[in-house]
Amino acid sequence: MAVSQNRIIIIAAPSGAGKTSVTKHLLKTFPAQLQFSISCATRPPRGHEKHGVDYYFILADEFRRRIENHEFAEWEMVYHDKYYGTLKIELERIWKQHKTPLLDVDVKGGINIQEQYRENSLSLFIEPPSIEELERRLKARGTETPESLRARIEKASYEMTFKDRFDKVIINNILADACKEAEEYVRNFLNPL
């Protein structure tokens, strides 16, 4: 098992671009080297999501208290009173296991964590092939109201303007191809020549 040397791999994308699918692929491909970094979220669980597995689901008041206590490596208020963030103790927990944390985060969170760990991070931006395709994917989820869909599309358009801040940009037109491309970047990062 490779020692992580406190490295971090960041997967960021607009909502619906496929970052969770790419993240799951990487975790299956590198089980001895990577571990999913569980983020905190103030939203309720969706579908089969579980506390302590998919997210640490906490109330907004607790999230704000943790911000005041400087407990987050990164955090963002993604939508009004909907916070997401990565706890410092979560990264430490994974490093103690001699693994590399794999973060599935929003775009601003990805930029923030990358700036803190510039020398020890790999950041991948998963880009949808188009805004129209992203909208189709979000509609297919069946979890959005017309208002929330419009807000997500507007936010995604804005977030895509930050893609050049990431080490690598992967266009997710065909998921299997995007996963293979991410796998190659991660393999080179974990096992440099």
N, C-alpha and C. Protein backbone atom coordinates (compact mmCIF):
# COMPACT_ATOMS: atom_id res chain seq x y z
N MET A 1 0.86 -1.19 0.00
CA MET A 1 0.00 0.00 0.00
C MET A 1 0.89 1.24 0.00
N ALA A 2 0.61 2.16 -0.90
CA ALA A 2 1.40 3.39 -0.99
C ALA A 2 1.05 4.34 0.15
N VAL A 3 2.05 5.01 0.67
CA VAL A 3 1.83 6.02 1.71
C VAL A 3 1.37 7.30 1.05
N SER A 4 0.38 7.94 1.61
CA SER A 4 -0.25 9.10 0.96
C SER A 4 0.59 10.37 1.01
N GLN A 5 1.47 10.52 2.01
CA GLN A 5 2.22 11.75 2.22
C GLN A 5 1.27 12.96 2.25
N ASN A 6 0.11 12.74 2.85
CA ASN A 6 -0.92 13.78 2.99
C ASN A 6 -1.31 14.40 1.66
N ARG A 7 -1.44 13.56 0.65
CA ARG A 7 -1.91 14.01 -0.65
C ARG A 7 -3.44 14.01 -0.66
N ILE A 8 -3.99 14.73 -1.63
CA ILE A 8 -5.44 14.83 -1.79
C ILE A 8 -5.77 14.78 -3.28
N ILE A 9 -6.85 14.09 -3.61
CA ILE A 9 -7.38 14.11 -4.98
C ILE A 9 -8.76 14.75 -4.91
N ILE A 10 -8.96 15.75 -5.77
CA ILE A 10 -10.18 16.54 -5.78
C ILE A 10 -10.93 16.31 -7.09
N ILE A 11 -12.18 15.91 -6.97
CA ILE A 11 -13.05 15.79 -8.14
C ILE A 11 -14.13 16.85 -7.96
N ALA A 12 -14.21 17.77 -8.92
CA ALA A 12 -15.20 18.85 -8.83
C ALA A 12 -15.91 18.98 -10.17
N ALA A 13 -17.14 19.45 -10.11
CA ALA A 13 -17.95 19.60 -11.32
C ALA A 13 -19.24 20.31 -10.97
N PRO A 14 -19.88 20.88 -11.97
CA PRO A 14 -21.24 21.36 -11.74
C PRO A 14 -22.15 20.17 -11.41
N SER A 15 -23.20 20.42 -10.68
CA SER A 15 -24.16 19.38 -10.33
C SER A 15 -24.69 18.71 -11.61
N GLY A 16 -24.63 17.37 -11.64
CA GLY A 16 -25.15 16.63 -12.78
C GLY A 16 -24.12 16.31 -13.85
N ALA A 17 -22.88 16.75 -13.68
CA ALA A 17 -21.86 16.52 -14.71
C ALA A 17 -21.24 15.13 -14.64
N GLY A 18 -21.43 14.42 -13.52
CA GLY A 18 -20.93 13.06 -13.41
C GLY A 18 -19.81 12.84 -12.42
N LYS A 19 -19.58 13.82 -11.52
CA LYS A 19 -18.44 13.67 -10.61
C LYS A 19 -18.62 12.50 -9.65
N THR A 20 -19.82 12.22 -9.21
CA THR A 20 -20.04 11.11 -8.29
C THR A 20 -19.78 9.78 -8.98
N SER A 21 -20.18 9.65 -10.23
CA SER A 21 -19.92 8.42 -10.98
C SER A 21 -18.42 8.21 -11.19
N VAL A 22 -17.70 9.27 -11.51
CA VAL A 22 -16.25 9.18 -11.68
C VAL A 22 -15.59 8.84 -10.34
N THR A 23 -16.05 9.47 -9.28
CA THR A 23 -15.52 9.20 -7.94
C THR A 23 -15.70 7.73 -7.57
N LYS A 24 -16.87 7.19 -7.78
CA LYS A 24 -17.14 5.77 -7.45
C LYS A 24 -16.23 4.85 -8.26
N HIS A 25 -16.02 5.18 -9.53
CA HIS A 25 -15.13 4.38 -10.38
C HIS A 25 -13.70 4.38 -9.80
N LEU A 26 -13.22 5.54 -9.42
CA LEU A 26 -11.86 5.65 -8.89
C LEU A 26 -11.71 4.87 -7.58
N LEU A 27 -12.72 4.92 -6.74
CA LEU A 27 -12.66 4.19 -5.47
C LEU A 27 -12.61 2.68 -5.70
N LYS A 28 -13.33 2.20 -6.71
CA LYS A 28 -13.30 0.76 -7.05
C LYS A 28 -11.96 0.38 -7.67
N THR A 29 -11.38 1.29 -8.43
CA THR A 29 -10.14 1.00 -9.14
C THR A 29 -8.92 1.02 -8.22
N PHE A 30 -8.93 1.89 -7.22
CA PHE A 30 -7.78 2.05 -6.32
C PHE A 30 -8.17 1.85 -4.85
N PRO A 31 -8.76 0.71 -4.50
CA PRO A 31 -9.25 0.55 -3.12
C PRO A 31 -8.17 0.57 -2.05
N ALA A 32 -6.94 0.18 -2.38
CA ALA A 32 -5.87 0.15 -1.38
C ALA A 32 -5.23 1.52 -1.18
N GLN A 33 -5.47 2.44 -2.11
CA GLN A 33 -4.79 3.73 -2.05
C GLN A 33 -5.72 4.91 -1.76
N LEU A 34 -6.98 4.80 -2.15
CA LEU A 34 -7.91 5.92 -1.99
C LEU A 34 -8.98 5.60 -0.97
N GLN A 35 -9.47 6.65 -0.33
CA GLN A 35 -10.65 6.53 0.52
C GLN A 35 -11.52 7.76 0.31
N PHE A 36 -12.82 7.53 0.23
CA PHE A 36 -13.77 8.61 0.04
C PHE A 36 -13.77 9.53 1.25
N SER A 37 -13.61 10.81 1.00
CA SER A 37 -13.69 11.81 2.06
C SER A 37 -15.16 12.21 2.19
N ILE A 38 -15.74 11.90 3.34
CA ILE A 38 -17.16 12.17 3.56
C ILE A 38 -17.34 13.64 3.92
N SER A 39 -18.11 14.34 3.10
CA SER A 39 -18.38 15.75 3.33
C SER A 39 -19.55 15.93 4.28
N CYS A 40 -19.63 17.12 4.88
CA CYS A 40 -20.80 17.51 5.66
C CYS A 40 -21.78 18.20 4.73
N ALA A 41 -23.06 18.01 4.99
CA ALA A 41 -24.10 18.68 4.21
C ALA A 41 -25.27 19.02 5.13
N THR A 42 -25.89 20.15 4.86
CA THR A 42 -27.06 20.54 5.66
C THR A 42 -28.36 20.16 4.98
N ARG A 43 -28.30 19.59 3.80
CA ARG A 43 -29.53 19.14 3.14
C ARG A 43 -29.94 17.77 3.68
N PRO A 44 -31.19 17.38 3.49
CA PRO A 44 -31.61 16.05 3.92
C PRO A 44 -31.06 14.98 2.97
N PRO A 45 -30.95 13.74 3.45
CA PRO A 45 -30.49 12.65 2.57
C PRO A 45 -31.44 12.45 1.38
N ARG A 46 -30.85 12.07 0.24
CA ARG A 46 -31.64 11.74 -0.95
C ARG A 46 -31.65 10.23 -1.13
N GLY A 47 -32.79 9.69 -1.47
CA GLY A 47 -32.88 8.26 -1.80
C GLY A 47 -32.30 7.37 -0.72
N HIS A 48 -31.25 6.64 -1.08
CA HIS A 48 -30.64 5.66 -0.17
C HIS A 48 -29.40 6.19 0.53
N GLU A 49 -29.18 7.50 0.51
CA GLU A 49 -28.00 8.07 1.15
C GLU A 49 -28.04 7.82 2.67
N LYS A 50 -26.84 7.56 3.21
CA LYS A 50 -26.74 7.26 4.64
C LYS A 50 -25.77 8.22 5.32
N HIS A 51 -26.15 8.63 6.54
CA HIS A 51 -25.29 9.48 7.37
C HIS A 51 -24.01 8.71 7.69
N GLY A 52 -22.87 9.37 7.53
CA GLY A 52 -21.60 8.75 7.84
C GLY A 52 -21.06 7.87 6.73
N VAL A 53 -21.81 7.74 5.64
CA VAL A 53 -21.36 6.96 4.48
C VAL A 53 -21.27 7.88 3.26
N ASP A 54 -22.40 8.50 2.94
CA ASP A 54 -22.45 9.41 1.79
C ASP A 54 -22.09 10.84 2.19
N TYR A 55 -22.65 11.26 3.31
CA TYR A 55 -22.39 12.58 3.90
C TYR A 55 -22.55 12.46 5.40
N TYR A 56 -22.02 13.47 6.10
CA TYR A 56 -22.40 13.69 7.49
C TYR A 56 -23.52 14.73 7.41
N PHE A 57 -24.74 14.31 7.62
CA PHE A 57 -25.88 15.22 7.53
C PHE A 57 -26.04 15.93 8.87
N ILE A 58 -25.87 17.25 8.86
CA ILE A 58 -25.98 18.03 10.09
C ILE A 58 -26.88 19.23 9.84
N LEU A 59 -27.33 19.84 10.92
CA LEU A 59 -28.17 21.04 10.81
C LEU A 59 -27.33 22.26 10.49
N ALA A 60 -27.94 23.26 9.87
CA ALA A 60 -27.24 24.48 9.47
C ALA A 60 -26.60 25.17 10.67
N ASP A 61 -27.28 25.17 11.82
CA ASP A 61 -26.72 25.82 13.02
C ASP A 61 -25.41 25.15 13.45
N GLU A 62 -25.38 23.81 13.42
CA GLU A 62 -24.16 23.09 13.79
C GLU A 62 -23.06 23.38 12.76
N PHE A 63 -23.44 23.43 11.48
CA PHE A 63 -22.45 23.72 10.44
C PHE A 63 -21.82 25.09 10.68
N ARG A 64 -22.65 26.09 10.96
CA ARG A 64 -22.14 27.45 11.21
C ARG A 64 -21.23 27.48 12.45
N ARG A 65 -21.59 26.72 13.48
CA ARG A 65 -20.75 26.65 14.69
C ARG A 65 -19.38 26.07 14.34
N ARG A 66 -19.37 25.05 13.50
CA ARG A 66 -18.11 24.42 13.10
C ARG A 66 -17.27 25.37 12.24
N ILE A 67 -17.94 26.21 11.45
CA ILE A 67 -17.21 27.24 10.69
C ILE A 67 -16.50 28.18 11.66
N GLU A 68 -17.26 28.65 12.66
CA GLU A 68 -16.69 29.57 13.65
C GLU A 68 -15.52 28.95 14.40
N ASN A 69 -15.56 27.63 14.58
CA ASN A 69 -14.49 26.92 15.29
C ASN A 69 -13.34 26.50 14.36
N HIS A 70 -13.39 26.92 13.10
CA HIS A 70 -12.34 26.62 12.11
C HIS A 70 -12.12 25.11 11.94
N GLU A 71 -13.22 24.35 11.91
CA GLU A 71 -13.12 22.90 11.80
C GLU A 71 -13.11 22.41 10.35
N PHE A 72 -13.36 23.30 9.40
CA PHE A 72 -13.43 22.88 8.00
C PHE A 72 -12.15 23.19 7.24
N ALA A 73 -11.73 22.25 6.38
CA ALA A 73 -10.64 22.51 5.44
C ALA A 73 -11.18 23.39 4.31
N GLU A 74 -12.44 23.18 3.97
CA GLU A 74 -13.14 24.02 2.99
C GLU A 74 -14.63 23.90 3.27
N TRP A 75 -15.34 24.94 2.92
CA TRP A 75 -16.80 24.89 3.04
C TRP A 75 -17.39 25.93 2.08
N GLU A 76 -18.65 25.74 1.78
CA GLU A 76 -19.33 26.65 0.87
C GLU A 76 -20.82 26.63 1.16
N MET A 77 -21.44 27.81 1.10
CA MET A 77 -22.90 27.85 1.11
C MET A 77 -23.30 27.78 -0.36
N VAL A 78 -23.73 26.61 -0.78
CA VAL A 78 -23.98 26.34 -2.19
C VAL A 78 -25.28 27.01 -2.65
N TYR A 79 -26.30 26.89 -1.85
CA TYR A 79 -27.58 27.57 -2.07
C TYR A 79 -27.98 28.14 -0.72
N HIS A 80 -28.98 29.00 -0.68
CA HIS A 80 -29.36 29.66 0.57
C HIS A 80 -29.53 28.63 1.69
N ASP A 81 -28.72 28.78 2.74
CA ASP A 81 -28.73 27.94 3.94
C ASP A 81 -28.44 26.46 3.66
N LYS A 82 -27.90 26.15 2.48
CA LYS A 82 -27.47 24.78 2.17
C LYS A 82 -25.96 24.79 2.08
N TYR A 83 -25.34 24.26 3.13
CA TYR A 83 -23.89 24.24 3.23
C TYR A 83 -23.33 22.85 2.92
N TYR A 84 -22.14 22.86 2.36
CA TYR A 84 -21.35 21.64 2.17
C TYR A 84 -19.93 21.98 2.61
N GLY A 85 -19.23 20.99 3.15
CA GLY A 85 -17.85 21.25 3.54
C GLY A 85 -17.10 19.98 3.89
N THR A 86 -15.77 20.12 3.94
CA THR A 86 -14.88 19.02 4.29
C THR A 86 -14.24 19.32 5.63
N LEU A 87 -14.48 18.46 6.60
CA LEU A 87 -13.89 18.64 7.93
C LEU A 87 -12.41 18.26 7.92
N LYS A 88 -11.61 19.03 8.62
CA LYS A 88 -10.18 18.73 8.74
C LYS A 88 -9.97 17.35 9.37
N ILE A 89 -10.80 17.00 10.35
CA ILE A 89 -10.64 15.69 11.01
C ILE A 89 -10.94 14.53 10.06
N GLU A 90 -11.75 14.77 9.04
CA GLU A 90 -12.03 13.74 8.05
C GLU A 90 -10.77 13.45 7.22
N LEU A 91 -10.07 14.49 6.81
CA LEU A 91 -8.82 14.30 6.06
C LEU A 91 -7.79 13.59 6.93
N GLU A 92 -7.68 14.01 8.18
CA GLU A 92 -6.73 13.39 9.10
C GLU A 92 -7.04 11.92 9.34
N ARG A 93 -8.33 11.60 9.43
CA ARG A 93 -8.75 10.21 9.64
C ARG A 93 -8.24 9.33 8.49
N ILE A 94 -8.35 9.83 7.27
CA ILE A 94 -7.93 9.05 6.10
C ILE A 94 -6.40 8.97 6.03
N TRP A 95 -5.72 10.07 6.28
CA TRP A 95 -4.25 10.05 6.26
C TRP A 95 -3.69 9.08 7.30
N LYS A 96 -4.35 8.98 8.45
CA LYS A 96 -3.88 8.04 9.49
C LYS A 96 -3.96 6.59 9.01
N GLN A 97 -4.81 6.33 8.03
CA GLN A 97 -4.93 4.99 7.44
C GLN A 97 -3.95 4.81 6.27
N HIS A 98 -3.08 5.81 6.07
CA HIS A 98 -2.08 5.80 5.00
C HIS A 98 -2.74 5.70 3.62
N LYS A 99 -3.86 6.41 3.50
CA LYS A 99 -4.56 6.48 2.22
C LYS A 99 -4.67 7.94 1.78
N THR A 100 -5.08 8.12 0.54
CA THR A 100 -5.26 9.45 -0.02
C THR A 100 -6.76 9.77 -0.04
N PRO A 101 -7.16 10.88 0.57
CA PRO A 101 -8.57 11.27 0.52
C PRO A 101 -8.98 11.62 -0.91
N LEU A 102 -10.15 11.12 -1.31
CA LEU A 102 -10.74 11.45 -2.60
C LEU A 102 -11.96 12.30 -2.30
N LEU A 103 -11.90 13.57 -2.70
CA LEU A 103 -12.97 14.51 -2.41
C LEU A 103 -13.87 14.70 -3.61
N ASP A 104 -15.17 14.58 -3.40
CA ASP A 104 -16.21 14.85 -4.40
C ASP A 104 -16.87 16.14 -3.92
N VAL A 105 -16.46 17.27 -4.52
CA VAL A 105 -16.87 18.58 -3.99
C VAL A 105 -17.39 19.49 -5.10
N ASP A 106 -18.03 20.58 -4.68
CA ASP A 106 -18.47 21.56 -5.67
C ASP A 106 -17.24 22.35 -6.15
N VAL A 107 -17.44 23.14 -7.17
CA VAL A 107 -16.32 23.81 -7.85
C VAL A 107 -15.56 24.76 -6.92
N LYS A 108 -16.27 25.61 -6.19
CA LYS A 108 -15.57 26.54 -5.30
C LYS A 108 -14.84 25.80 -4.19
N GLY A 109 -15.47 24.75 -3.66
CA GLY A 109 -14.82 23.94 -2.65
C GLY A 109 -13.54 23.30 -3.19
N GLY A 110 -13.60 22.84 -4.42
CA GLY A 110 -12.42 22.25 -5.06
C GLY A 110 -11.29 23.25 -5.19
N ILE A 111 -11.61 24.46 -5.59
CA ILE A 111 -10.60 25.51 -5.72
C ILE A 111 -10.01 25.84 -4.34
N ASN A 112 -10.87 25.96 -3.34
CA ASN A 112 -10.40 26.30 -1.99
C ASN A 112 -9.45 25.24 -1.43
N ILE A 113 -9.80 23.97 -1.58
CA ILE A 113 -8.96 22.92 -1.01
C ILE A 113 -7.66 22.81 -1.80
N GLN A 114 -7.74 23.00 -3.10
CA GLN A 114 -6.55 22.94 -3.94
C GLN A 114 -5.56 24.05 -3.57
N GLU A 115 -6.06 25.23 -3.28
CA GLU A 115 -5.19 26.33 -2.90
C GLU A 115 -4.45 26.05 -1.59
N GLN A 116 -5.09 25.34 -0.67
CA GLN A 116 -4.45 25.01 0.60
C GLN A 116 -3.42 23.89 0.48
N TYR A 117 -3.64 22.98 -0.48
CA TYR A 117 -2.77 21.80 -0.61
C TYR A 117 -2.15 21.74 -2.01
N ARG A 118 -1.77 22.88 -2.53
CA ARG A 118 -1.28 23.01 -3.90
C ARG A 118 -0.22 21.97 -4.26
N GLU A 119 0.77 21.77 -3.40
CA GLU A 119 1.89 20.88 -3.72
C GLU A 119 1.51 19.40 -3.62
N ASN A 120 0.43 19.10 -2.91
CA ASN A 120 0.09 17.69 -2.66
C ASN A 120 -1.26 17.29 -3.22
N SER A 121 -1.78 18.04 -4.19
CA SER A 121 -3.11 17.71 -4.67
C SER A 121 -3.15 17.50 -6.18
N LEU A 122 -4.14 16.75 -6.60
CA LEU A 122 -4.51 16.61 -8.00
C LEU A 122 -5.97 17.01 -8.08
N SER A 123 -6.27 17.97 -8.93
CA SER A 123 -7.66 18.42 -9.05
C SER A 123 -8.16 18.14 -10.47
N LEU A 124 -9.31 17.47 -10.53
CA LEU A 124 -9.94 17.11 -11.79
C LEU A 124 -11.29 17.80 -11.89
N PHE A 125 -11.52 18.49 -12.99
CA PHE A 125 -12.80 19.15 -13.24
C PHE A 125 -13.55 18.30 -14.26
N ILE A 126 -14.73 17.82 -13.88
CA ILE A 126 -15.56 17.03 -14.79
C ILE A 126 -16.54 17.99 -15.45
N GLU A 127 -16.42 18.09 -16.77
CA GLU A 127 -17.22 19.05 -17.53
C GLU A 127 -18.29 18.31 -18.34
N PRO A 128 -19.53 18.78 -18.30
CA PRO A 128 -20.55 18.17 -19.16
C PRO A 128 -20.27 18.55 -20.61
N PRO A 129 -20.72 17.74 -21.58
CA PRO A 129 -20.47 18.08 -22.98
C PRO A 129 -21.14 19.39 -23.41
N SER A 130 -22.23 19.75 -22.74
CA SER A 130 -22.93 21.01 -23.03
C SER A 130 -23.89 21.32 -21.90
N ILE A 131 -24.33 22.57 -21.83
CA ILE A 131 -25.33 22.95 -20.83
C ILE A 131 -26.65 22.24 -21.12
N GLU A 132 -26.98 22.05 -22.39
CA GLU A 132 -28.22 21.36 -22.76
C GLU A 132 -28.21 19.92 -22.26
N GLU A 133 -27.07 19.25 -22.41
CA GLU A 133 -26.95 17.87 -21.93
C GLU A 133 -27.02 17.82 -20.40
N LEU A 134 -26.40 18.81 -19.75
CA LEU A 134 -26.46 18.88 -18.30
C LEU A 134 -27.91 19.03 -17.84
N GLU A 135 -28.66 19.89 -18.50
CA GLU A 135 -30.07 20.09 -18.16
C GLU A 135 -30.85 18.80 -18.35
N ARG A 136 -30.58 18.07 -19.42
CA ARG A 136 -31.26 16.80 -19.66
C ARG A 136 -30.95 15.81 -18.53
N ARG A 137 -29.70 15.74 -18.10
CA ARG A 137 -29.30 14.82 -17.03
C ARG A 137 -29.99 15.18 -15.71
N LEU A 138 -30.02 16.47 -15.41
CA LEU A 138 -30.66 16.91 -14.17
C LEU A 138 -32.16 16.62 -14.19
N LYS A 139 -32.81 16.83 -15.33
CA LYS A 139 -34.24 16.51 -15.45
C LYS A 139 -34.48 15.02 -15.25
N ALA A 140 -33.56 14.20 -15.79
CA ALA A 140 -33.71 12.75 -15.70
C ALA A 140 -33.62 12.25 -14.25
N ARG A 141 -32.93 12.98 -13.40
CA ARG A 141 -32.85 12.60 -11.98
C ARG A 141 -34.23 12.60 -11.32
N GLY A 142 -35.08 13.53 -11.78
CA GLY A 142 -36.41 13.64 -11.20
C GLY A 142 -36.44 14.24 -9.81
N THR A 143 -35.39 14.95 -9.42
CA THR A 143 -35.32 15.51 -8.06
C THR A 143 -35.46 17.03 -8.05
N GLU A 144 -35.61 17.64 -9.22
CA GLU A 144 -35.59 19.10 -9.30
C GLU A 144 -36.97 19.68 -9.61
N THR A 145 -37.26 20.80 -8.96
CA THR A 145 -38.43 21.60 -9.34
C THR A 145 -37.99 22.49 -10.51
N PRO A 146 -38.91 23.09 -11.24
CA PRO A 146 -38.48 24.00 -12.32
C PRO A 146 -37.56 25.12 -11.81
N GLU A 147 -37.84 25.63 -10.60
CA GLU A 147 -37.02 26.70 -10.03
C GLU A 147 -35.63 26.20 -9.66
N SER A 148 -35.55 25.03 -9.01
CA SER A 148 -34.24 24.51 -8.61
C SER A 148 -33.43 24.09 -9.84
N LEU A 149 -34.10 23.59 -10.87
CA LEU A 149 -33.41 23.23 -12.12
C LEU A 149 -32.79 24.48 -12.75
N ARG A 150 -33.56 25.55 -12.82
CA ARG A 150 -33.06 26.81 -13.39
C ARG A 150 -31.86 27.32 -12.58
N ALA A 151 -31.95 27.24 -11.26
CA ALA A 151 -30.85 27.70 -10.40
C ALA A 151 -29.61 26.84 -10.62
N ARG A 152 -29.78 25.54 -10.75
CA ARG A 152 -28.63 24.66 -10.97
C ARG A 152 -27.97 24.93 -12.33
N ILE A 153 -28.78 25.16 -13.35
CA ILE A 153 -28.23 25.43 -14.69
C ILE A 153 -27.47 26.76 -14.69
N GLU A 154 -28.03 27.77 -14.06
CA GLU A 154 -27.34 29.07 -13.98
C GLU A 154 -26.02 28.92 -13.22
N LYS A 155 -26.06 28.18 -12.12
CA LYS A 155 -24.85 27.98 -11.33
C LYS A 155 -23.81 27.18 -12.12
N ALA A 156 -24.27 26.16 -12.85
CA ALA A 156 -23.34 25.34 -13.65
C ALA A 156 -22.65 26.19 -14.72
N SER A 157 -23.40 27.06 -15.37
CA SER A 157 -22.80 27.94 -16.39
C SER A 157 -21.70 28.80 -15.77
N TYR A 158 -21.97 29.32 -14.59
CA TYR A 158 -20.98 30.13 -13.87
C TYR A 158 -19.77 29.27 -13.47
N GLU A 159 -20.04 28.08 -12.90
CA GLU A 159 -18.96 27.22 -12.42
C GLU A 159 -18.02 26.79 -13.55
N MET A 160 -18.55 26.62 -14.73
CA MET A 160 -17.70 26.18 -15.84
C MET A 160 -16.67 27.24 -16.23
N THR A 161 -16.87 28.47 -15.81
CA THR A 161 -15.88 29.51 -16.09
C THR A 161 -14.62 29.33 -15.24
N PHE A 162 -14.66 28.44 -14.24
CA PHE A 162 -13.51 28.20 -13.35
C PHE A 162 -12.73 26.94 -13.72
N LYS A 163 -13.09 26.27 -14.78
CA LYS A 163 -12.45 24.98 -15.09
C LYS A 163 -10.94 25.09 -15.28
N ASP A 164 -10.47 26.22 -15.76
CA ASP A 164 -9.03 26.39 -15.98
C ASP A 164 -8.23 26.49 -14.68
N ARG A 165 -8.90 26.58 -13.55
CA ARG A 165 -8.22 26.63 -12.25
C ARG A 165 -7.84 25.23 -11.76
N PHE A 166 -8.28 24.20 -12.48
CA PHE A 166 -8.03 22.82 -12.09
C PHE A 166 -6.87 22.24 -12.89
N ASP A 167 -6.23 21.21 -12.33
CA ASP A 167 -5.08 20.59 -13.00
C ASP A 167 -5.47 19.97 -14.33
N LYS A 168 -6.60 19.28 -14.36
CA LYS A 168 -7.05 18.59 -15.58
C LYS A 168 -8.54 18.79 -15.75
N VAL A 169 -8.98 18.91 -17.00
CA VAL A 169 -10.40 19.00 -17.34
C VAL A 169 -10.76 17.76 -18.14
N ILE A 170 -11.81 17.07 -17.68
CA ILE A 170 -12.29 15.86 -18.35
C ILE A 170 -13.71 16.12 -18.84
N ILE A 171 -13.92 16.04 -20.14
CA ILE A 171 -15.27 16.23 -20.68
C ILE A 171 -16.00 14.89 -20.61
N ASN A 172 -17.09 14.87 -19.86
CA ASN A 172 -17.86 13.65 -19.64
C ASN A 172 -18.97 13.55 -20.69
N ASN A 173 -18.57 13.17 -21.89
CA ASN A 173 -19.55 12.90 -22.95
C ASN A 173 -20.01 11.45 -22.84
N ILE A 174 -19.03 10.54 -22.71
CA ILE A 174 -19.30 9.12 -22.50
C ILE A 174 -18.65 8.76 -21.15
N LEU A 175 -19.47 8.34 -20.20
CA LEU A 175 -19.00 8.12 -18.84
C LEU A 175 -17.81 7.17 -18.77
N ALA A 176 -17.84 6.06 -19.50
CA ALA A 176 -16.73 5.10 -19.43
C ALA A 176 -15.41 5.75 -19.86
N ASP A 177 -15.45 6.60 -20.86
CA ASP A 177 -14.24 7.28 -21.33
C ASP A 177 -13.75 8.28 -20.28
N ALA A 178 -14.68 9.02 -19.68
CA ALA A 178 -14.31 9.99 -18.64
C ALA A 178 -13.68 9.26 -17.45
N CYS A 179 -14.22 8.12 -17.08
CA CYS A 179 -13.68 7.33 -15.96
C CYS A 179 -12.26 6.86 -16.28
N LYS A 180 -12.04 6.37 -17.49
CA LYS A 180 -10.70 5.89 -17.88
C LYS A 180 -9.69 7.04 -17.88
N GLU A 181 -10.11 8.21 -18.35
CA GLU A 181 -9.21 9.37 -18.35
C GLU A 181 -8.84 9.77 -16.92
N ALA A 182 -9.85 9.81 -16.04
CA ALA A 182 -9.60 10.15 -14.63
C ALA A 182 -8.67 9.11 -14.00
N GLU A 183 -8.90 7.85 -14.32
CA GLU A 183 -8.09 6.76 -13.78
C GLU A 183 -6.62 6.94 -14.16
N GLU A 184 -6.36 7.33 -15.39
CA GLU A 184 -4.98 7.53 -15.84
C GLU A 184 -4.31 8.67 -15.08
N TYR A 185 -5.02 9.78 -14.90
CA TYR A 185 -4.46 10.91 -14.15
C TYR A 185 -4.17 10.52 -12.70
N VAL A 186 -5.10 9.79 -12.09
CA VAL A 186 -4.94 9.40 -10.69
C VAL A 186 -3.79 8.40 -10.54
N ARG A 187 -3.70 7.45 -11.45
CA ARG A 187 -2.61 6.47 -11.39
C ARG A 187 -1.25 7.18 -11.45
N ASN A 188 -1.12 8.14 -12.36
CA ASN A 188 0.14 8.88 -12.49
C ASN A 188 0.44 9.72 -11.25
N PHE A 189 -0.60 10.25 -10.61
CA PHE A 189 -0.44 11.05 -9.39
C PHE A 189 -0.02 10.17 -8.20
N LEU A 190 -0.66 9.01 -8.08
CA LEU A 190 -0.38 8.12 -6.95
C LEU A 190 0.95 7.41 -7.10
N ASN A 191 1.34 7.12 -8.32
CA ASN A 191 2.55 6.34 -8.59
C ASN A 191 3.42 7.07 -9.61
N PRO A 192 3.96 8.22 -9.23
CA PRO A 192 4.77 8.98 -10.20
C PRO A 192 6.03 8.20 -10.58
N LEU A 193 6.46 8.41 -11.81
CA LEU A 193 7.68 7.72 -12.30
C LEU A 193 8.92 8.23 -11.60
